[in-house]
C-alpha atoms as a PDB file:
ATOM      1  CA  MET A   1      -0.330  18.239 -32.642  1.00  0.00           C
ATOM      2  CA  GLU A   2       0.023  22.381 -31.700  1.00  0.00           C
ATOM      3  CA  ASN A   3      -3.272  22.696 -33.743  1.00  0.00           C
ATOM      4  CA  ASN A   4      -5.387  20.305 -32.231  1.00  0.00           C
ATOM      5  CA  PHE A   5      -4.703  22.385 -28.921  1.00  0.00           C
ATOM      6  CA  PHE A   6      -4.724  25.515 -29.758  1.00  0.00           C
ATOM      7  CA  LEU A   7      -8.332  24.206 -31.608  1.00  0.00           C
ATOM      8  CA  LYS A   8     -10.131  22.825 -28.208  1.00  0.00           C
ATOM      9  CA  MET A   9      -9.616  26.291 -26.976  1.00  0.00           C
ATOM     10  CA  LYS A  10     -12.201  27.521 -29.688  1.00  0.00           C
ATOM     11  CA  GLY A  11     -15.098  26.660 -27.995  1.00  0.00           C
ATOM     12  CA  THR A  12     -18.039  24.078 -29.845  1.00  0.00           C
ATOM     13  CA  GLY A  13     -21.361  25.955 -29.026  1.00  0.00           C
ATOM     14  CA  LYS A  14     -22.869  29.253 -27.242  1.00  0.00           C
ATOM     15  CA  THR A  15     -23.704  29.794 -23.522  1.00  0.00           C
ATOM     16  CA  PRO A  16     -26.251  27.496 -21.951  1.00  0.00           C
ATOM     17  CA  LEU A  17     -27.300  29.882 -19.271  1.00  0.00           C
ATOM     18  CA  ARG A  18     -30.967  31.812 -19.558  1.00  0.00           C
ATOM     19  CA  VAL A  19     -32.176  35.041 -18.408  1.00  0.00           C
ATOM     20  CA  ASN A  20     -34.635  34.606 -15.395  1.00  0.00           C
ATOM     21  CA  GLY A  21     -36.119  37.956 -14.043  1.00  0.00           C
ATOM     22  CA  LYS A  22     -37.331  35.816 -10.532  1.00  0.00           C
ATOM     23  CA  ASP A  23     -33.715  33.742 -10.040  1.00  0.00           C
ATOM     24  CA  ALA A  24     -31.933  37.465 -11.162  1.00  0.00           C
ATOM     25  CA  VAL A  25     -34.047  39.129  -8.005  1.00  0.00           C
ATOM     26  CA  THR A  26     -33.582  36.435  -5.691  1.00  0.00           C
ATOM     27  CA  GLY A  27     -30.093  36.309  -6.295  1.00  0.00           C
ATOM     28  CA  LEU A  28     -30.332  40.271  -5.308  1.00  0.00           C
ATOM     29  CA  ILE A  29     -31.926  40.434  -2.130  1.00  0.00           C
ATOM     30  CA  GLY A  30     -30.378  36.891  -1.127  1.00  0.00           C
ATOM     31  CA  GLY A  31     -26.882  39.081  -1.716  1.00  0.00           C
ATOM     32  CA  PHE A  32     -28.395  41.950  -0.691  1.00  0.00           C
ATOM     33  CA  ILE A  33     -29.496  40.623   3.123  1.00  0.00           C
ATOM     34  CA  THR A  34     -26.726  37.874   4.001  1.00  0.00           C
ATOM     35  CA  ILE A  35     -24.165  40.516   3.588  1.00  0.00           C
ATOM     36  CA  LEU A  36     -25.532  43.022   5.428  1.00  0.00           C
ATOM     37  CA  ALA A  37     -25.772  40.765   7.879  1.00  0.00           C
ATOM     38  CA  LEU A  38     -22.425  39.940   8.143  1.00  0.00           C
ATOM     39  CA  ALA A  39     -21.416  43.399   7.590  1.00  0.00           C
ATOM     40  CA  SER A  40     -23.416  45.120   9.565  1.00  0.00           C
ATOM     41  CA  LEU A  41     -22.210  41.896  12.774  1.00  0.00           C
ATOM     42  CA  THR A  42     -18.909  43.663  11.901  1.00  0.00           C
ATOM     43  CA  ALA A  43     -20.391  47.048  12.153  1.00  0.00           C
ATOM     44  CA  TYR A  44     -21.753  46.279  15.245  1.00  0.00           C
ATOM     45  CA  THR A  45     -19.530  43.544  17.351  1.00  0.00           C
ATOM     46  CA  SER A  46     -15.954  43.808  17.838  1.00  0.00           C
ATOM     47  CA  SER A  47     -15.409  40.254  16.148  1.00  0.00           C
ATOM     48  CA  LEU A  48     -14.768  40.696  12.219  1.00  0.00           C
ATOM     49  CA  TRP A  49     -17.735  38.335  10.218  1.00  0.00           C
ATOM     50  CA  LEU A  50     -16.947  39.409   6.794  1.00  0.00           C
ATOM     51  CA  MET A  51     -14.505  38.791   3.823  1.00  0.00           C
ATOM     52  CA  ALA A  52     -14.469  39.646   0.272  1.00  0.00           C
ATOM     53  CA  PRO A  53     -14.553  35.339  -0.610  1.00  0.00           C
ATOM     54  CA  PHE A  54     -18.388  35.227   1.038  1.00  0.00           C
ATOM     55  CA  GLY A  55     -19.759  37.679  -1.988  1.00  0.00           C
ATOM     56  CA  ALA A  56     -18.777  34.973  -4.084  1.00  0.00           C
ATOM     57  CA  SER A  57     -19.998  32.839  -2.230  1.00  0.00           C
ATOM     58  CA  CYS A  58     -23.443  34.570  -2.548  1.00  0.00           C
ATOM     59  CA  VAL A  59     -23.478  34.519  -5.690  1.00  0.00           C
ATOM     60  CA  LEU A  60     -23.429  30.647  -6.493  1.00  0.00           C
ATOM     61  CA  VAL A  61     -25.770  29.920  -3.571  1.00  0.00           C
ATOM     62  CA  PHE A  62     -28.140  32.296  -4.329  1.00  0.00           C
ATOM     63  CA  SER A  63     -27.719  31.738  -8.683  1.00  0.00           C
ATOM     64  CA  ALA A  64     -26.173  28.682  -8.498  1.00  0.00           C
ATOM     65  CA  TRP A  65     -28.142  26.619  -5.547  1.00  0.00           C
ATOM     66  CA  ASN A  66     -28.308  23.382  -7.456  1.00  0.00           C
ATOM     67  CA  ALA A  67     -25.174  23.173  -8.093  1.00  0.00           C
ATOM     68  CA  PRO A  68     -22.703  20.638  -6.166  1.00  0.00           C
ATOM     69  CA  LEU A  69     -20.488  24.070  -5.297  1.00  0.00           C
ATOM     70  CA  SER A  70     -23.055  25.721  -3.912  1.00  0.00           C
ATOM     71  CA  GLN A  71     -24.416  23.062  -1.723  1.00  0.00           C
ATOM     72  CA  PRO A  72     -23.243  23.737   2.441  1.00  0.00           C
ATOM     73  CA  ARG A  73     -20.427  20.911   2.200  1.00  0.00           C
ATOM     74  CA  ASN A  74     -19.456  22.768   0.172  1.00  0.00           C
ATOM     75  CA  VAL A  75     -19.685  26.619   1.440  1.00  0.00           C
ATOM     76  CA  ILE A  76     -18.749  25.823   5.286  1.00  0.00           C
ATOM     77  CA  GLY A  77     -16.283  23.051   3.731  1.00  0.00           C
ATOM     78  CA  GLY A  78     -14.660  24.232   1.330  1.00  0.00           C
ATOM     79  CA  HIS A  79     -13.880  27.873   3.426  1.00  0.00           C
ATOM     80  CA  PHE A  80     -12.468  26.590   6.730  1.00  0.00           C
ATOM     81  CA  ILE A  81     -10.349  24.108   4.756  1.00  0.00           C
ATOM     82  CA  SER A  82      -9.067  26.791   2.725  1.00  0.00           C
ATOM     83  CA  ALA A  83      -8.303  28.763   5.084  1.00  0.00           C
ATOM     84  CA  LEU A  84      -6.824  26.532   7.536  1.00  0.00           C
ATOM     85  CA  THR A  85      -4.783  26.005   4.649  1.00  0.00           C
ATOM     86  CA  GLY A  86      -3.121  29.197   5.228  1.00  0.00           C
ATOM     87  CA  ILE A  87      -3.511  29.917   8.546  1.00  0.00           C
ATOM     88  CA  VAL A  88      -0.770  26.381   8.838  1.00  0.00           C
ATOM     89  CA  VAL A  89       1.214  27.695   6.000  1.00  0.00           C
ATOM     90  CA  LEU A  90       1.346  31.527   6.924  1.00  0.00           C
ATOM     91  CA  HIS A  91       2.344  30.153  10.415  1.00  0.00           C
ATOM     92  CA  ILE A  92       4.741  27.874   9.050  1.00  0.00           C
ATOM     93  CA  PHE A  93       6.679  29.601   5.983  1.00  0.00           C
ATOM     94  CA  GLY A  94       5.005  33.239   6.590  1.00  0.00           C
ATOM     95  CA  ALA A  95       3.983  35.430   4.077  1.00  0.00           C
ATOM     96  CA  HIS A  96       6.391  35.415   0.181  1.00  0.00           C
ATOM     97  CA  PRO A  97       5.540  35.030  -3.052  1.00  0.00           C
ATOM     98  CA  TRP A  98       5.641  31.328  -3.524  1.00  0.00           C
ATOM     99  CA  THR A  99       3.740  30.918  -0.059  1.00  0.00           C
ATOM    100  CA  PHE A 100       0.239  32.756  -1.459  1.00  0.00           C
ATOM    101  CA  ALA A 101       0.684  29.513  -4.629  1.00  0.00           C
ATOM    102  CA  LEU A 102       1.678  26.913  -2.117  1.00  0.00           C
ATOM    103  CA  GLY A 103      -1.532  27.542   0.151  1.00  0.00           C
ATOM    104  CA  THR A 104      -3.560  28.218  -2.797  1.00  0.00           C
ATOM    105  CA  GLY A 105      -2.485  25.385  -4.293  1.00  0.00           C
ATOM    106  CA  LEU A 106      -3.012  22.976  -1.594  1.00  0.00           C
ATOM    107  CA  ALA A 107      -6.071  24.402  -0.545  1.00  0.00           C
ATOM    108  CA  ILE A 108      -7.616  22.713  -4.296  1.00  0.00           C
ATOM    109  CA  CYS A 109      -6.285  20.034  -3.398  1.00  0.00           C
ATOM    110  CA  LEU A 110      -7.157  19.352  -0.382  1.00  0.00           C
ATOM    111  CA  MET A 111     -11.123  20.623  -1.387  1.00  0.00           C
ATOM    112  CA  MET A 112     -10.437  18.147  -4.224  1.00  0.00           C
ATOM    113  CA  LEU A 113      -9.775  15.251  -1.758  1.00  0.00           C
ATOM    114  CA  THR A 114     -12.438  16.297   0.769  1.00  0.00           C
ATOM    115  CA  LYS A 115     -15.652  16.543  -1.682  1.00  0.00           C
ATOM    116  CA  THR A 116     -15.286  19.541  -0.337  1.00  0.00           C
ATOM    117  CA  THR A 117     -15.165  22.741  -3.268  1.00  0.00           C
ATOM    118  CA  HIS A 118     -16.506  25.770  -3.011  1.00  0.00           C
ATOM    119  CA  PRO A 119     -14.446  28.433  -5.717  1.00  0.00           C
ATOM    120  CA  PRO A 120     -14.563  30.994  -3.686  1.00  0.00           C
ATOM    121  CA  ALA A 121     -12.233  29.563  -1.288  1.00  0.00           C
ATOM    122  CA  GLY A 122     -10.010  29.897  -3.543  1.00  0.00           C
ATOM    123  CA  ALA A 123      -9.040  32.926  -1.910  1.00  0.00           C
ATOM    124  CA  ASP A 124      -9.284  32.678   1.652  1.00  0.00           C
ATOM    125  CA  PRO A 125      -5.584  31.285   1.785  1.00  0.00           C
ATOM    126  CA  ILE A 126      -4.682  34.549  -0.167  1.00  0.00           C
ATOM    127  CA  VAL A 127      -6.730  36.439   2.057  1.00  0.00           C
ATOM    128  CA  VAL A 128      -5.312  34.783   5.327  1.00  0.00           C
ATOM    129  CA  ILE A 129      -1.766  34.762   4.356  1.00  0.00           C
ATOM    130  CA  GLN A 130      -1.896  39.047   3.120  1.00  0.00           C
ATOM    131  CA  GLY A 131      -3.502  39.627   6.933  1.00  0.00           C
ATOM    132  CA  ALA A 132      -1.931  37.926   8.614  1.00  0.00           C
ATOM    133  CA  TYR A 133      -4.382  36.695  10.257  1.00  0.00           C
ATOM    134  CA  ALA A 134      -4.616  34.638  13.820  1.00  0.00           C
ATOM    135  CA  TRP A 135      -5.854  31.110  13.768  1.00  0.00           C
ATOM    136  CA  SER A 136      -8.624  32.459  15.662  1.00  0.00           C
ATOM    137  CA  TYR A 137      -9.612  33.654  11.868  1.00  0.00           C
ATOM    138  CA  LEU A 138     -10.762  30.856  11.126  1.00  0.00           C
ATOM    139  CA  VAL A 139     -14.517  31.102  13.595  1.00  0.00           C
ATOM    140  CA  PHE A 140     -14.707  34.397  12.117  1.00  0.00           C
ATOM    141  CA  PRO A 141     -15.130  35.404  10.146  1.00  0.00           C
ATOM    142  CA  VAL A 142     -14.945  31.584   8.313  1.00  0.00           C
ATOM    143  CA  LEU A 143     -16.790  29.288  10.087  1.00  0.00           C
ATOM    144  CA  ILE A 144     -19.966  30.792  11.646  1.00  0.00           C
ATOM    145  CA  GLY A 145     -19.924  33.632   8.486  1.00  0.00           C
ATOM    146  CA  SER A 146     -19.640  30.681   5.502  1.00  0.00           C
ATOM    147  CA  VAL A 147     -22.666  28.852   8.169  1.00  0.00           C
ATOM    148  CA  ILE A 148     -24.881  32.363   8.590  1.00  0.00           C
ATOM    149  CA  ILE A 149     -24.543  32.129   4.111  1.00  0.00           C
ATOM    150  CA  VAL A 150     -25.697  28.738   4.437  1.00  0.00           C
ATOM    151  CA  VAL A 151     -28.958  29.577   6.631  1.00  0.00           C
ATOM    152  CA  ILE A 152     -29.320  32.548   4.532  1.00  0.00           C
ATOM    153  CA  ALA A 153     -29.712  30.380   1.591  1.00  0.00           C
ATOM    154  CA  LEU A 154     -31.354  27.817   3.085  1.00  0.00           C
ATOM    155  CA  VAL A 155     -34.316  30.153   3.849  1.00  0.00           C
ATOM    156  CA  ILE A 156     -34.187  32.586   0.310  1.00  0.00           C
ATOM    157  CA  ASN A 157     -34.060  29.639  -1.631  1.00  0.00           C
ATOM    158  CA  ASN A 158     -37.071  27.378   0.082  1.00  0.00           C
ATOM    159  CA  LEU A 159     -39.075  30.750   0.350  1.00  0.00           C
ATOM    160  CA  ARG A 160     -39.281  30.051  -3.751  1.00  0.00           C
ATOM    161  CA  LYS A 161     -42.243  27.377  -4.962  1.00  0.00           C
ATOM    162  CA  ASN A 162     -39.322  25.816  -7.566  1.00  0.00           C
ATOM    163  CA  ARG A 163     -36.240  26.154  -5.471  1.00  0.00           C
ATOM    164  CA  GLN A 164     -35.345  23.293  -3.332  1.00  0.00           C
ATOM    165  CA  TYR A 165     -31.679  24.175  -1.675  1.00  0.00           C
ATOM    166  CA  PRO A 166     -29.416  21.999   0.520  1.00  0.00           C
ATOM    167  CA  ALA A 167     -29.360  19.098  -2.781  1.00  0.00           C
ATOM    168  CA  PHE A 168     -27.688  17.250  -0.445  1.00  0.00           C
ATOM    169  CA  TRP A 169     -25.969  17.792   3.053  1.00  0.00           C
ATOM    170  CA  LEU A 170     -22.914  14.269   2.955  1.00  0.00           C
END
């Protein structure tokens, strides 16, 4: 049995990923415009619009735009549910090594149960607990920022003739 366990870690082939120059440029443009918009809004307003997991969300919506985890429901819902989970854990239990773990584990569980799994959002409880953010963080940057990501992804992805984003809304 032990042999089978380690043999499974060997893998069975090569990466299925292909290099496509147009897709890479679309990712560059989409990521640049999205993060520039959020960073500029942060610089010119009194609100925080940017958080690190949004960079990872850009990777998904512009490079894997047709994947289930990249769809609007997952981007917006995943970030909201995960950040909410982090804030609830923070306000009930405080910031401790085990609350970072609890927040992340609960966020993963809740995203899966609500069909809103979005891998970058798994970092939201860590960000929220580490920053000791207030409830308003759910609106700025989490909710509004994730909506901006989706709106820009709708425009950039659908400018390409061979792309259709989103694959689904609900």
